[in-house]
């Protein structure tokens, strides 16, 4: 599971079951607000994505059985 939070205030935006569904969300926001372009970089054990509208911190959360 992948947790998406706003980078600066840590507000939880959404969780996604797979990396692909999370990337689809990032790509759609980048398409809507920045001609499909986003920046990505590693940070603190996760990844940051800048879609121009928002900057997100994404971290994989292990699922508990």
C-alpha atoms as a PDB file:
ATOM      1  CA  UNK A   1       0.000   0.000   0.000  1.00  0.00           C
ATOM      2  CA  UNK A   2       1.251   3.497  -0.799  1.00  0.00           C
ATOM      3  CA  UNK A   3       0.463   6.508   1.332  1.00  0.00           C
ATOM      4  CA  UNK A   4       0.412   9.945  -0.315  1.00  0.00           C
ATOM      5  CA  UNK A   5       0.829  12.977   1.943  1.00  0.00           C
ATOM      6  CA  UNK A   6       1.402  16.639   1.224  1.00  0.00           C
ATOM      7  CA  UNK A   7       5.093  17.238   1.792  1.00  0.00           C
ATOM      8  CA  UNK A   8       4.950  20.436   3.803  1.00  0.00           C
ATOM      9  CA  UNK A   9       2.045  19.860   6.216  1.00  0.00           C
ATOM     10  CA  UNK A  10       1.991  16.004   6.143  1.00  0.00           C
ATOM     11  CA  UNK A  11      -1.749  15.964   5.433  1.00  0.00           C
ATOM     12  CA  UNK A  12      -2.865  12.528   4.252  1.00  0.00           C
ATOM     13  CA  UNK A  13      -4.249  12.828   0.728  1.00  0.00           C
ATOM     14  CA  UNK A  14      -5.008   9.205  -0.130  1.00  0.00           C
ATOM     15  CA  UNK A  15      -3.717   5.644   0.060  1.00  0.00           C
ATOM     16  CA  UNK A  16      -3.340   3.417  -2.992  1.00  0.00           C
ATOM     17  CA  UNK A  17      -3.148  -0.375  -3.183  1.00  0.00           C
ATOM     18  CA  UNK A  18      -0.349  -0.412  -5.802  1.00  0.00           C
ATOM     19  CA  UNK A  19       2.487   1.772  -7.033  1.00  0.00           C
ATOM     20  CA  UNK A  20       0.821   1.976 -10.454  1.00  0.00           C
ATOM     21  CA  UNK A  21      -2.455   3.354  -9.090  1.00  0.00           C
ATOM     22  CA  UNK A  22      -0.482   5.961  -7.130  1.00  0.00           C
ATOM     23  CA  UNK A  23       1.496   6.951 -10.252  1.00  0.00           C
ATOM     24  CA  UNK A  24      -1.768   7.207 -12.210  1.00  0.00           C
ATOM     25  CA  UNK A  25      -3.011   9.732  -9.615  1.00  0.00           C
ATOM     26  CA  UNK A  26       0.252  11.743  -9.822  1.00  0.00           C
ATOM     27  CA  UNK A  27       0.223  11.688 -13.631  1.00  0.00           C
ATOM     28  CA  UNK A  28      -3.396  12.819 -13.827  1.00  0.00           C
ATOM     29  CA  UNK A  29      -2.757  15.775 -11.524  1.00  0.00           C
ATOM     30  CA  UNK A  30       0.383  16.670 -13.488  1.00  0.00           C
ATOM     31  CA  UNK A  31      -1.650  16.476 -16.709  1.00  0.00           C
ATOM     32  CA  UNK A  32      -4.367  18.708 -15.267  1.00  0.00           C
ATOM     33  CA  UNK A  33      -2.019  21.373 -13.881  1.00  0.00           C
ATOM     34  CA  UNK A  34       1.385  21.120 -15.582  1.00  0.00           C
ATOM     35  CA  UNK A  35       1.089  19.675 -19.113  1.00  0.00           C
ATOM     36  CA  UNK A  36       1.795  16.169 -17.783  1.00  0.00           C
ATOM     37  CA  UNK A  37       5.182  17.071 -16.304  1.00  0.00           C
ATOM     38  CA  UNK A  38       6.162  16.242 -12.730  1.00  0.00           C
ATOM     39  CA  UNK A  39       9.445  16.162 -10.827  1.00  0.00           C
ATOM     40  CA  UNK A  40      10.426  13.229  -8.618  1.00  0.00           C
ATOM     41  CA  UNK A  41      13.241  12.751  -6.100  1.00  0.00           C
ATOM     42  CA  UNK A  42      14.058  10.400  -3.203  1.00  0.00           C
ATOM     43  CA  UNK A  43      13.679  11.697   0.342  1.00  0.00           C
ATOM     44  CA  UNK A  44      13.562  10.164   3.840  1.00  0.00           C
ATOM     45  CA  UNK A  45      12.901   6.585   2.707  1.00  0.00           C
ATOM     46  CA  UNK A  46      10.204   7.560   0.219  1.00  0.00           C
ATOM     47  CA  UNK A  47       9.745   9.641  -2.907  1.00  0.00           C
ATOM     48  CA  UNK A  48       8.611  13.205  -3.481  1.00  0.00           C
ATOM     49  CA  UNK A  49       6.525  14.233  -6.467  1.00  0.00           C
ATOM     50  CA  UNK A  50       5.981  17.837  -7.545  1.00  0.00           C
ATOM     51  CA  UNK A  51       2.964  18.143  -9.860  1.00  0.00           C
ATOM     52  CA  UNK A  52       3.048  21.951  -9.868  1.00  0.00           C
ATOM     53  CA  UNK A  53      -0.229  22.078  -7.929  1.00  0.00           C
ATOM     54  CA  UNK A  54       1.089  20.068  -4.958  1.00  0.00           C
ATOM     55  CA  UNK A  55       4.268  18.476  -3.679  1.00  0.00           C
ATOM     56  CA  UNK A  56       3.643  14.995  -2.298  1.00  0.00           C
ATOM     57  CA  UNK A  57       5.641  12.601  -0.154  1.00  0.00           C
ATOM     58  CA  UNK A  58       4.924   8.965  -1.011  1.00  0.00           C
ATOM     59  CA  UNK A  59       5.912   6.078   1.199  1.00  0.00           C
ATOM     60  CA  UNK A  60       5.189   2.377   0.956  1.00  0.00           C
ATOM     61  CA  UNK A  61       3.313   1.129   4.007  1.00  0.00           C
ATOM     62  CA  UNK A  62       3.644  -2.580   4.744  1.00  0.00           C
ATOM     63  CA  UNK A  63       0.317  -4.339   4.949  1.00  0.00           C
ATOM     64  CA  UNK A  64      -0.361  -6.090   8.226  1.00  0.00           C
ATOM     65  CA  UNK A  65      -1.910  -9.546   7.974  1.00  0.00           C
END
